[in-house]
All heavy atoms as atom14 arrays in JSON, in Angstrom:
{
  "sequence": "IGWATPAALGAALASPSRRVILATGEGAHQLTMQEISQFARFGLK",
  "atom14_mask": [
    [1, 1, 1, 1, 1, 1, 1, 1, 0, 0, 0, 0, 0, 0],
    [1, 1, 1, 1, 0, 0, 0, 0, 0, 0, 0, 0, 0, 0],
    [1, 1, 1, 1, 1, 1, 1, 1, 1, 1, 1, 1, 1, 1],
    [1, 1, 1, 1, 1, 0, 0, 0, 0, 0, 0, 0, 0, 0],
    [1, 1, 1, 1, 1, 1, 1, 0, 0, 0, 0, 0, 0, 0],
    [1, 1, 1, 1, 1, 1, 1, 0, 0, 0, 0, 0, 0, 0],
    [1, 1, 1, 1, 1, 0, 0, 0, 0, 0, 0, 0, 0, 0],
    [1, 1, 1, 1, 1, 0, 0, 0, 0, 0, 0, 0, 0, 0],
    [1, 1, 1, 1, 1, 1, 1, 1, 0, 0, 0, 0, 0, 0],
    [1, 1, 1, 1, 0, 0, 0, 0, 0, 0, 0, 0, 0, 0],
    [1, 1, 1, 1, 1, 0, 0, 0, 0, 0, 0, 0, 0, 0],
    [1, 1, 1, 1, 1, 0, 0, 0, 0, 0, 0, 0, 0, 0],
    [1, 1, 1, 1, 1, 1, 1, 1, 0, 0, 0, 0, 0, 0],
    [1, 1, 1, 1, 1, 0, 0, 0, 0, 0, 0, 0, 0, 0],
    [1, 1, 1, 1, 1, 1, 0, 0, 0, 0, 0, 0, 0, 0],
    [1, 1, 1, 1, 1, 1, 1, 0, 0, 0, 0, 0, 0, 0],
    [1, 1, 1, 1, 1, 1, 0, 0, 0, 0, 0, 0, 0, 0],
    [1, 1, 1, 1, 1, 1, 1, 1, 1, 1, 1, 0, 0, 0],
    [1, 1, 1, 1, 1, 1, 1, 1, 1, 1, 1, 0, 0, 0],
    [1, 1, 1, 1, 1, 1, 1, 0, 0, 0, 0, 0, 0, 0],
    [1, 1, 1, 1, 1, 1, 1, 1, 0, 0, 0, 0, 0, 0],
    [1, 1, 1, 1, 1, 1, 1, 1, 0, 0, 0, 0, 0, 0],
    [1, 1, 1, 1, 1, 0, 0, 0, 0, 0, 0, 0, 0, 0],
    [1, 1, 1, 1, 1, 1, 1, 0, 0, 0, 0, 0, 0, 0],
    [1, 1, 1, 1, 0, 0, 0, 0, 0, 0, 0, 0, 0, 0],
    [1, 1, 1, 1, 1, 1, 1, 1, 1, 0, 0, 0, 0, 0],
    [1, 1, 1, 1, 0, 0, 0, 0, 0, 0, 0, 0, 0, 0],
    [1, 1, 1, 1, 1, 0, 0, 0, 0, 0, 0, 0, 0, 0],
    [1, 1, 1, 1, 1, 1, 1, 1, 1, 1, 0, 0, 0, 0],
    [1, 1, 1, 1, 1, 1, 1, 1, 1, 0, 0, 0, 0, 0],
    [1, 1, 1, 1, 1, 1, 1, 1, 0, 0, 0, 0, 0, 0],
    [1, 1, 1, 1, 1, 1, 1, 0, 0, 0, 0, 0, 0, 0],
    [1, 1, 1, 1, 1, 1, 1, 1, 0, 0, 0, 0, 0, 0],
    [1, 1, 1, 1, 1, 1, 1, 1, 1, 0, 0, 0, 0, 0],
    [1, 1, 1, 1, 1, 1, 1, 1, 1, 0, 0, 0, 0, 0],
    [1, 1, 1, 1, 1, 1, 1, 1, 0, 0, 0, 0, 0, 0],
    [1, 1, 1, 1, 1, 1, 0, 0, 0, 0, 0, 0, 0, 0],
    [1, 1, 1, 1, 1, 1, 1, 1, 1, 0, 0, 0, 0, 0],
    [1, 1, 1, 1, 1, 1, 1, 1, 1, 1, 1, 0, 0, 0],
    [1, 1, 1, 1, 1, 0, 0, 0, 0, 0, 0, 0, 0, 0],
    [1, 1, 1, 1, 1, 1, 1, 1, 1, 1, 1, 0, 0, 0],
    [1, 1, 1, 1, 1, 1, 1, 1, 1, 1, 1, 0, 0, 0],
    [1, 1, 1, 1, 0, 0, 0, 0, 0, 0, 0, 0, 0, 0],
    [1, 1, 1, 1, 1, 1, 1, 1, 0, 0, 0, 0, 0, 0],
    [1, 1, 1, 1, 1, 1, 1, 1, 1, 0, 0, 0, 0, 0]
  ],
  "atom14_positions": [
    [[-5.31, -11.49, -7.06], [-5.48, -10.13, -7.55], [-5.81, -9.19, -6.4], [-6.65, -9.49, -5.54], [-6.58, -10.1, -8.65], [-6.7, -8.69, -9.24], [-7.91, -10.59, -8.12], [-7.61, -8.64, -10.46], [0.0, 0.0, 0.0], [0.0, 0.0, 0.0], [0.0, 0.0, 0.0], [0.0, 0.0, 0.0], [0.0, 0.0, 0.0], [0.0, 0.0, 0.0]],
    [[-5.13, -8.06, -6.36], [-5.33, -7.08, -5.32], [-4.36, -7.17, -4.15], [-4.36, -6.33, -3.26], [0.0, 0.0, 0.0], [0.0, 0.0, 0.0], [0.0, 0.0, 0.0], [0.0, 0.0, 0.0], [0.0, 0.0, 0.0], [0.0, 0.0, 0.0], [0.0, 0.0, 0.0], [0.0, 0.0, 0.0], [0.0, 0.0, 0.0], [0.0, 0.0, 0.0]],
    [[-3.49, -8.19, -4.17], [-2.55, -8.42, -3.06], [-1.62, -7.24, -2.8], [-1.33, -6.88, -1.67], [-1.75, -9.67, -3.37], [-0.51, -9.88, -2.55], [-0.43, -10.46, -1.31], [0.84, -9.52, -2.9], [0.88, -10.47, -0.88], [1.68, -9.91, -1.85], [1.42, -8.91, -4.02], [3.06, -9.7, -1.86], [2.78, -8.71, -4.05], [3.6, -9.09, -2.97]],
    [[-1.13, -6.61, -3.86], [0.01, -5.7, -3.73], [-0.3, -4.44, -2.92], [0.58, -3.94, -2.21], [0.55, -5.31, -5.11], [0.0, 0.0, 0.0], [0.0, 0.0, 0.0], [0.0, 0.0, 0.0], [0.0, 0.0, 0.0], [0.0, 0.0, 0.0], [0.0, 0.0, 0.0], [0.0, 0.0, 0.0], [0.0, 0.0, 0.0], [0.0, 0.0, 0.0]],
    [[-1.51, -3.88, -3.04], [-1.78, -2.62, -2.33], [-1.67, -2.78, -0.82], [-0.9, -2.06, -0.17], [-3.16, -2.04, -2.75], [-3.13, -1.74, -4.15], [-3.48, -0.78, -1.97], [0.0, 0.0, 0.0], [0.0, 0.0, 0.0], [0.0, 0.0, 0.0], [0.0, 0.0, 0.0], [0.0, 0.0, 0.0], [0.0, 0.0, 0.0], [0.0, 0.0, 0.0]],
    [[-2.39, -3.7, -0.18], [-2.23, -3.86, 1.27], [-0.87, -4.45, 1.65], [-0.35, -4.13, 2.72], [-3.38, -4.79, 1.68], [-3.86, -5.41, 0.43], [-3.53, -4.5, -0.69], [0.0, 0.0, 0.0], [0.0, 0.0, 0.0], [0.0, 0.0, 0.0], [0.0, 0.0, 0.0], [0.0, 0.0, 0.0], [0.0, 0.0, 0.0], [0.0, 0.0, 0.0]],
    [[-0.29, -5.29, 0.78], [1.04, -5.84, 1.08], [2.07, -4.73, 1.16], [2.98, -4.75, 1.99], [1.42, -6.89, 0.04], [0.0, 0.0, 0.0], [0.0, 0.0, 0.0], [0.0, 0.0, 0.0], [0.0, 0.0, 0.0], [0.0, 0.0, 0.0], [0.0, 0.0, 0.0], [0.0, 0.0, 0.0], [0.0, 0.0, 0.0], [0.0, 0.0, 0.0]],
    [[1.95, -3.74, 0.27], [2.86, -2.59, 0.3], [2.69, -1.8, 1.58], [3.65, -1.28, 2.15], [2.62, -1.7, -0.92], [0.0, 0.0, 0.0], [0.0, 0.0, 0.0], [0.0, 0.0, 0.0], [0.0, 0.0, 0.0], [0.0, 0.0, 0.0], [0.0, 0.0, 0.0], [0.0, 0.0, 0.0], [0.0, 0.0, 0.0], [0.0, 0.0, 0.0]],
    [[1.45, -1.7, 2.07], [1.2, -1.05, 3.35], [1.96, -1.78, 4.47], [2.64, -1.16, 5.3], [-0.29, -1.02, 3.67], [-0.66, -0.64, 5.11], [-0.31, 0.82, 5.38], [-2.13, -0.93, 5.38], [0.0, 0.0, 0.0], [0.0, 0.0, 0.0], [0.0, 0.0, 0.0], [0.0, 0.0, 0.0], [0.0, 0.0, 0.0], [0.0, 0.0, 0.0]],
    [[1.84, -3.1, 4.49], [2.54, -3.88, 5.5], [4.05, -3.68, 5.44], [4.72, -3.54, 6.47], [0.0, 0.0, 0.0], [0.0, 0.0, 0.0], [0.0, 0.0, 0.0], [0.0, 0.0, 0.0], [0.0, 0.0, 0.0], [0.0, 0.0, 0.0], [0.0, 0.0, 0.0], [0.0, 0.0, 0.0], [0.0, 0.0, 0.0], [0.0, 0.0, 0.0]],
    [[4.58, -3.63, 4.23], [6.02, -3.42, 4.07], [6.44, -2.04, 4.56], [7.49, -1.89, 5.19], [6.4, -3.59, 2.59], [0.0, 0.0, 0.0], [0.0, 0.0, 0.0], [0.0, 0.0, 0.0], [0.0, 0.0, 0.0], [0.0, 0.0, 0.0], [0.0, 0.0, 0.0], [0.0, 0.0, 0.0], [0.0, 0.0, 0.0], [0.0, 0.0, 0.0]],
    [[5.62, -1.03, 4.28], [5.94, 0.33, 4.72], [5.93, 0.43, 6.24], [6.76, 1.14, 6.83], [4.95, 1.32, 4.11], [0.0, 0.0, 0.0], [0.0, 0.0, 0.0], [0.0, 0.0, 0.0], [0.0, 0.0, 0.0], [0.0, 0.0, 0.0], [0.0, 0.0, 0.0], [0.0, 0.0, 0.0], [0.0, 0.0, 0.0], [0.0, 0.0, 0.0]],
    [[5.01, -0.26, 6.89], [4.97, -0.27, 8.35], [6.15, -1.03, 8.93], [6.68, -0.66, 9.99], [3.65, -0.86, 8.84], [2.42, 0.01, 8.63], [1.14, -0.81, 8.78], [2.41, 1.18, 9.6], [0.0, 0.0, 0.0], [0.0, 0.0, 0.0], [0.0, 0.0, 0.0], [0.0, 0.0, 0.0], [0.0, 0.0, 0.0], [0.0, 0.0, 0.0]],
    [[6.59, -2.07, 8.22], [7.73, -2.86, 8.69], [9.03, -2.1, 8.6], [9.92, -2.27, 9.42], [7.83, -4.16, 7.88], [0.0, 0.0, 0.0], [0.0, 0.0, 0.0], [0.0, 0.0, 0.0], [0.0, 0.0, 0.0], [0.0, 0.0, 0.0], [0.0, 0.0, 0.0], [0.0, 0.0, 0.0], [0.0, 0.0, 0.0], [0.0, 0.0, 0.0]],
    [[9.15, -1.21, 7.6], [10.39, -0.46, 7.41], [10.08, 0.96, 6.95], [10.25, 1.32, 5.78], [11.27, -1.17, 6.36], [12.53, -0.56, 6.26], [0.0, 0.0, 0.0], [0.0, 0.0, 0.0], [0.0, 0.0, 0.0], [0.0, 0.0, 0.0], [0.0, 0.0, 0.0], [0.0, 0.0, 0.0], [0.0, 0.0, 0.0], [0.0, 0.0, 0.0]],
    [[9.62, 1.8, 7.88], [9.16, 3.15, 7.5], [10.28, 4.06, 7.0], [10.0, 5.09, 6.38], [8.55, 3.69, 8.8], [9.16, 2.87, 9.9], [9.41, 1.51, 9.31], [0.0, 0.0, 0.0], [0.0, 0.0, 0.0], [0.0, 0.0, 0.0], [0.0, 0.0, 0.0], [0.0, 0.0, 0.0], [0.0, 0.0, 0.0], [0.0, 0.0, 0.0]],
    [[11.53, 3.71, 7.24], [12.63, 4.57, 6.79], [12.99, 4.34, 5.32], [13.71, 5.14, 4.73], [13.88, 4.32, 7.65], [14.34, 3.0, 7.5], [0.0, 0.0, 0.0], [0.0, 0.0, 0.0], [0.0, 0.0, 0.0], [0.0, 0.0, 0.0], [0.0, 0.0, 0.0], [0.0, 0.0, 0.0], [0.0, 0.0, 0.0], [0.0, 0.0, 0.0]],
    [[12.51, 3.25, 4.72], [12.8, 2.95, 3.33], [11.66, 3.43, 2.43], [10.51, 3.51, 2.86], [13.04, 1.45, 3.13], [14.29, 0.94, 3.82], [14.4, -0.56, 3.77], [14.57, -1.07, 2.41], [14.6, -2.36, 2.11], [14.44, -3.28, 3.07], [14.77, -2.75, 0.87], [0.0, 0.0, 0.0], [0.0, 0.0, 0.0], [0.0, 0.0, 0.0]],
    [[12.0, 3.73, 1.19], [11.0, 4.18, 0.23], [10.24, 2.99, -0.32], [10.84, 2.04, -0.81], [11.66, 4.97, -0.9], [10.67, 5.69, -1.79], [11.35, 6.64, -2.75], [12.04, 5.96, -3.84], [12.35, 6.52, -5.0], [12.05, 7.78, -5.22], [12.97, 5.85, -5.94], [0.0, 0.0, 0.0], [0.0, 0.0, 0.0], [0.0, 0.0, 0.0]],
    [[8.92, 3.03, -0.24], [8.07, 1.97, -0.75], [7.38, 2.43, -2.02], [6.76, 3.51, -2.04], [7.03, 1.53, 0.31], [6.01, 0.57, -0.31], [7.73, 0.86, 1.48], [0.0, 0.0, 0.0], [0.0, 0.0, 0.0], [0.0, 0.0, 0.0], [0.0, 0.0, 0.0], [0.0, 0.0, 0.0], [0.0, 0.0, 0.0], [0.0, 0.0, 0.0]],
    [[7.5, 1.62, -3.07], [6.88, 1.92, -4.36], [5.88, 0.81, -4.67], [6.22, -0.36, -4.64], [7.94, 2.01, -5.48], [8.92, 3.15, -5.2], [7.28, 2.2, -6.84], [10.1, 3.2, -6.15], [0.0, 0.0, 0.0], [0.0, 0.0, 0.0], [0.0, 0.0, 0.0], [0.0, 0.0, 0.0], [0.0, 0.0, 0.0], [0.0, 0.0, 0.0]],
    [[4.66, 1.2, -4.95], [3.61, 0.25, -5.34], [3.26, 0.5, -6.8], [2.97, 1.62, -7.2], [2.36, 0.46, -4.46], [1.06, -0.19, -4.94], [1.17, -1.71, -4.96], [-0.12, 0.26, -4.09], [0.0, 0.0, 0.0], [0.0, 0.0, 0.0], [0.0, 0.0, 0.0], [0.0, 0.0, 0.0], [0.0, 0.0, 0.0], [0.0, 0.0, 0.0]],
    [[3.3, -0.57, -7.6], [2.92, -0.5, -9.0], [1.83, -1.53, -9.24], [2.08, -2.74, -9.19], [4.13, -0.78, -9.9], [0.0, 0.0, 0.0], [0.0, 0.0, 0.0], [0.0, 0.0, 0.0], [0.0, 0.0, 0.0], [0.0, 0.0, 0.0], [0.0, 0.0, 0.0], [0.0, 0.0, 0.0], [0.0, 0.0, 0.0], [0.0, 0.0, 0.0]],
    [[0.62, -1.06, -9.52], [-0.51, -1.96, -9.64], [-1.4, -1.56, -10.8], [-1.43, -0.39, -11.2], [-1.33, -1.98, -8.33], [-2.42, -2.91, -8.44], [-1.88, -0.6, -8.01], [0.0, 0.0, 0.0], [0.0, 0.0, 0.0], [0.0, 0.0, 0.0], [0.0, 0.0, 0.0], [0.0, 0.0, 0.0], [0.0, 0.0, 0.0], [0.0, 0.0, 0.0]],
    [[-2.11, -2.53, -11.35], [-3.1, -2.23, -12.37], [-4.41, -1.8, -11.75], [-4.7, -2.11, -10.58], [0.0, 0.0, 0.0], [0.0, 0.0, 0.0], [0.0, 0.0, 0.0], [0.0, 0.0, 0.0], [0.0, 0.0, 0.0], [0.0, 0.0, 0.0], [0.0, 0.0, 0.0], [0.0, 0.0, 0.0], [0.0, 0.0, 0.0], [0.0, 0.0, 0.0]],
    [[-5.23, -1.07, -12.51], [-6.46, -0.54, -11.93], [-7.43, -1.66, -11.56], [-8.21, -1.53, -10.61], [-7.1, 0.5, -12.86], [-8.11, -0.05, -13.88], [-7.45, -0.56, -15.16], [-6.35, -1.16, -15.08], [-8.05, -0.39, -16.21], [0.0, 0.0, 0.0], [0.0, 0.0, 0.0], [0.0, 0.0, 0.0], [0.0, 0.0, 0.0], [0.0, 0.0, 0.0]],
    [[-7.4, -2.76, -12.28], [-8.29, -3.88, -11.94], [-7.96, -4.47, -10.59], [-8.85, -4.68, -9.75], [0.0, 0.0, 0.0], [0.0, 0.0, 0.0], [0.0, 0.0, 0.0], [0.0, 0.0, 0.0], [0.0, 0.0, 0.0], [0.0, 0.0, 0.0], [0.0, 0.0, 0.0], [0.0, 0.0, 0.0], [0.0, 0.0, 0.0], [0.0, 0.0, 0.0]],
    [[-6.69, -4.72, -10.35], [-6.26, -5.25, -9.05], [-6.49, -4.22, -7.95], [-6.92, -4.55, -6.84], [-4.79, -5.64, -9.1], [0.0, 0.0, 0.0], [0.0, 0.0, 0.0], [0.0, 0.0, 0.0], [0.0, 0.0, 0.0], [0.0, 0.0, 0.0], [0.0, 0.0, 0.0], [0.0, 0.0, 0.0], [0.0, 0.0, 0.0], [0.0, 0.0, 0.0]],
    [[-6.21, -2.97, -8.25], [-6.32, -1.89, -7.26], [-7.75, -1.74, -6.76], [-7.98, -1.42, -5.59], [-5.82, -0.59, -7.89], [-5.5, 0.49, -6.92], [-4.74, 0.28, -5.77], [-5.81, 1.82, -6.89], [-4.6, 1.42, -5.12], [-5.25, 2.37, -5.78], [0.0, 0.0, 0.0], [0.0, 0.0, 0.0], [0.0, 0.0, 0.0], [0.0, 0.0, 0.0]],
    [[-8.72, -1.97, -7.64], [-10.12, -1.8, -7.23], [-10.53, -2.77, -6.12], [-11.44, -2.49, -5.35], [-11.04, -1.96, -8.44], [-11.02, -0.77, -9.39], [-12.18, -0.78, -10.37], [-13.1, -1.58, -10.28], [-12.13, 0.14, -11.34], [0.0, 0.0, 0.0], [0.0, 0.0, 0.0], [0.0, 0.0, 0.0], [0.0, 0.0, 0.0], [0.0, 0.0, 0.0]],
    [[-9.85, -3.92, -6.02], [-10.21, -4.89, -5.0], [-9.82, -4.45, -3.6], [-10.51, -4.79, -2.62], [-9.57, -6.25, -5.31], [-10.37, -7.18, -6.23], [-10.28, -6.72, -7.68], [-9.87, -8.62, -6.12], [0.0, 0.0, 0.0], [0.0, 0.0, 0.0], [0.0, 0.0, 0.0], [0.0, 0.0, 0.0], [0.0, 0.0, 0.0], [0.0, 0.0, 0.0]],
    [[-8.71, -3.73, -3.47], [-8.16, -3.49, -2.13], [-7.7, -2.06, -1.92], [-6.99, -1.78, -0.95], [-6.97, -4.44, -1.88], [-6.01, -4.27, -2.94], [-7.4, -5.88, -1.83], [0.0, 0.0, 0.0], [0.0, 0.0, 0.0], [0.0, 0.0, 0.0], [0.0, 0.0, 0.0], [0.0, 0.0, 0.0], [0.0, 0.0, 0.0], [0.0, 0.0, 0.0]],
    [[-8.11, -1.13, -2.78], [-7.53, 0.21, -2.73], [-7.92, 0.99, -1.47], [-7.32, 2.02, -1.16], [-7.94, 1.01, -3.97], [-9.42, 1.21, -4.2], [-10.17, 2.5, -3.22], [-9.12, 3.85, -3.67], [0.0, 0.0, 0.0], [0.0, 0.0, 0.0], [0.0, 0.0, 0.0], [0.0, 0.0, 0.0], [0.0, 0.0, 0.0], [0.0, 0.0, 0.0]],
    [[-8.9, 0.49, -0.69], [-9.25, 1.19, 0.56], [-8.03, 1.38, 1.46], [-7.95, 2.31, 2.25], [-10.32, 0.42, 1.36], [-11.48, -0.1, 0.54], [-11.28, -1.56, 0.21], [-10.25, -1.95, -0.35], [-12.26, -2.38, 0.54], [0.0, 0.0, 0.0], [0.0, 0.0, 0.0], [0.0, 0.0, 0.0], [0.0, 0.0, 0.0], [0.0, 0.0, 0.0]],
    [[-7.06, 0.44, 1.34], [-5.93, 0.47, 2.26], [-5.01, 1.66, 2.03], [-4.12, 1.92, 2.86], [-5.14, -0.84, 2.17], [-5.9, -2.06, 2.64], [-6.45, -1.94, 4.05], [-5.73, -1.45, 4.95], [-7.61, -2.35, 4.27], [0.0, 0.0, 0.0], [0.0, 0.0, 0.0], [0.0, 0.0, 0.0], [0.0, 0.0, 0.0], [0.0, 0.0, 0.0]],
    [[-5.15, 2.4, 0.94], [-4.3, 3.59, 0.81], [-4.61, 4.59, 1.91], [-3.76, 5.41, 2.27], [-4.39, 4.24, -0.6], [-5.78, 4.84, -0.85], [-4.0, 3.26, -1.7], [-5.84, 5.67, -2.13], [0.0, 0.0, 0.0], [0.0, 0.0, 0.0], [0.0, 0.0, 0.0], [0.0, 0.0, 0.0], [0.0, 0.0, 0.0], [0.0, 0.0, 0.0]],
    [[-5.82, 4.52, 2.46], [-6.17, 5.41, 3.58], [-5.29, 5.13, 4.79], [-5.01, 6.03, 5.59], [-7.65, 5.24, 3.95], [-7.91, 3.91, 4.37], [0.0, 0.0, 0.0], [0.0, 0.0, 0.0], [0.0, 0.0, 0.0], [0.0, 0.0, 0.0], [0.0, 0.0, 0.0], [0.0, 0.0, 0.0], [0.0, 0.0, 0.0], [0.0, 0.0, 0.0]],
    [[-4.85, 3.87, 4.93], [-4.01, 3.52, 6.08], [-2.6, 4.11, 5.97], [-1.96, 4.39, 6.99], [-3.93, 2.0, 6.22], [-5.25, 1.28, 6.24], [-6.08, 1.6, 7.48], [-5.59, 2.21, 8.44], [-7.35, 1.23, 7.46], [0.0, 0.0, 0.0], [0.0, 0.0, 0.0], [0.0, 0.0, 0.0], [0.0, 0.0, 0.0], [0.0, 0.0, 0.0]],
    [[-2.11, 4.28, 4.73], [-0.82, 4.94, 4.57], [-0.86, 6.33, 5.21], [0.05, 6.72, 5.95], [-0.46, 5.07, 3.09], [0.0, 3.8, 2.43], [-0.86, 3.06, 1.63], [1.3, 3.35, 2.57], [-0.44, 1.91, 0.99], [1.75, 2.2, 1.95], [0.87, 1.46, 1.16], [0.0, 0.0, 0.0], [0.0, 0.0, 0.0], [0.0, 0.0, 0.0]],
    [[-1.92, 7.06, 4.9], [-2.04, 8.41, 5.46], [-2.27, 8.37, 6.96], [-1.7, 9.17, 7.72], [-3.2, 9.14, 4.78], [0.0, 0.0, 0.0], [0.0, 0.0, 0.0], [0.0, 0.0, 0.0], [0.0, 0.0, 0.0], [0.0, 0.0, 0.0], [0.0, 0.0, 0.0], [0.0, 0.0, 0.0], [0.0, 0.0, 0.0], [0.0, 0.0, 0.0]],
    [[-3.05, 7.42, 7.41], [-3.37, 7.29, 8.84], [-2.12, 7.12, 9.69], [-2.03, 7.64, 10.8], [-4.3, 6.09, 9.03], [-4.79, 5.86, 10.44], [-5.65, 4.61, 10.47], [-6.28, 4.39, 11.76], [-6.97, 3.29, 12.06], [-7.14, 2.34, 11.15], [-7.5, 3.15, 13.26], [0.0, 0.0, 0.0], [0.0, 0.0, 0.0], [0.0, 0.0, 0.0]],
    [[-1.14, 6.39, 9.14], [0.09, 6.11, 9.89], [1.27, 6.96, 9.44], [2.42, 6.67, 9.77], [0.43, 4.62, 9.8], [-0.54, 3.74, 10.56], [-1.6, 3.13, 9.93], [-0.39, 3.58, 11.93], [-2.5, 2.34, 10.63], [-1.29, 2.8, 12.65], [-2.35, 2.18, 12.01], [0.0, 0.0, 0.0], [0.0, 0.0, 0.0], [0.0, 0.0, 0.0]],
    [[0.98, 8.03, 8.69], [2.01, 8.97, 8.33], [3.05, 8.44, 7.36], [4.19, 8.92, 7.34], [0.0, 0.0, 0.0], [0.0, 0.0, 0.0], [0.0, 0.0, 0.0], [0.0, 0.0, 0.0], [0.0, 0.0, 0.0], [0.0, 0.0, 0.0], [0.0, 0.0, 0.0], [0.0, 0.0, 0.0], [0.0, 0.0, 0.0], [0.0, 0.0, 0.0]],
    [[2.69, 7.48, 6.51], [3.61, 6.87, 5.56], [3.55, 7.6, 4.23], [2.53, 8.21, 3.88], [3.27, 5.38, 5.37], [3.28, 4.56, 6.67], [2.65, 3.19, 6.43], [4.7, 4.42, 7.21], [0.0, 0.0, 0.0], [0.0, 0.0, 0.0], [0.0, 0.0, 0.0], [0.0, 0.0, 0.0], [0.0, 0.0, 0.0], [0.0, 0.0, 0.0]],
    [[4.64, 7.55, 3.47], [4.73, 8.32, 2.23], [5.13, 7.43, 1.04], [6.23, 7.51, 0.51], [5.75, 9.44, 2.4], [5.38, 10.42, 3.51], [6.47, 11.44, 3.75], [6.1, 12.38, 4.89], [7.16, 13.37, 5.17], [0.0, 0.0, 0.0], [0.0, 0.0, 0.0], [0.0, 0.0, 0.0], [0.0, 0.0, 0.0], [0.0, 0.0, 0.0]]
  ]
}
């Protein structure tokens, strides 16, 4: 639980030209949601 949020970050860094969509439940998101700050830090959308 919580894998998808940071995994999506890794995917976005691996291929910044492609659109990355993350779909997660709030329970899973609460475990790892800090990583959304990294999307902004590295200019990802």
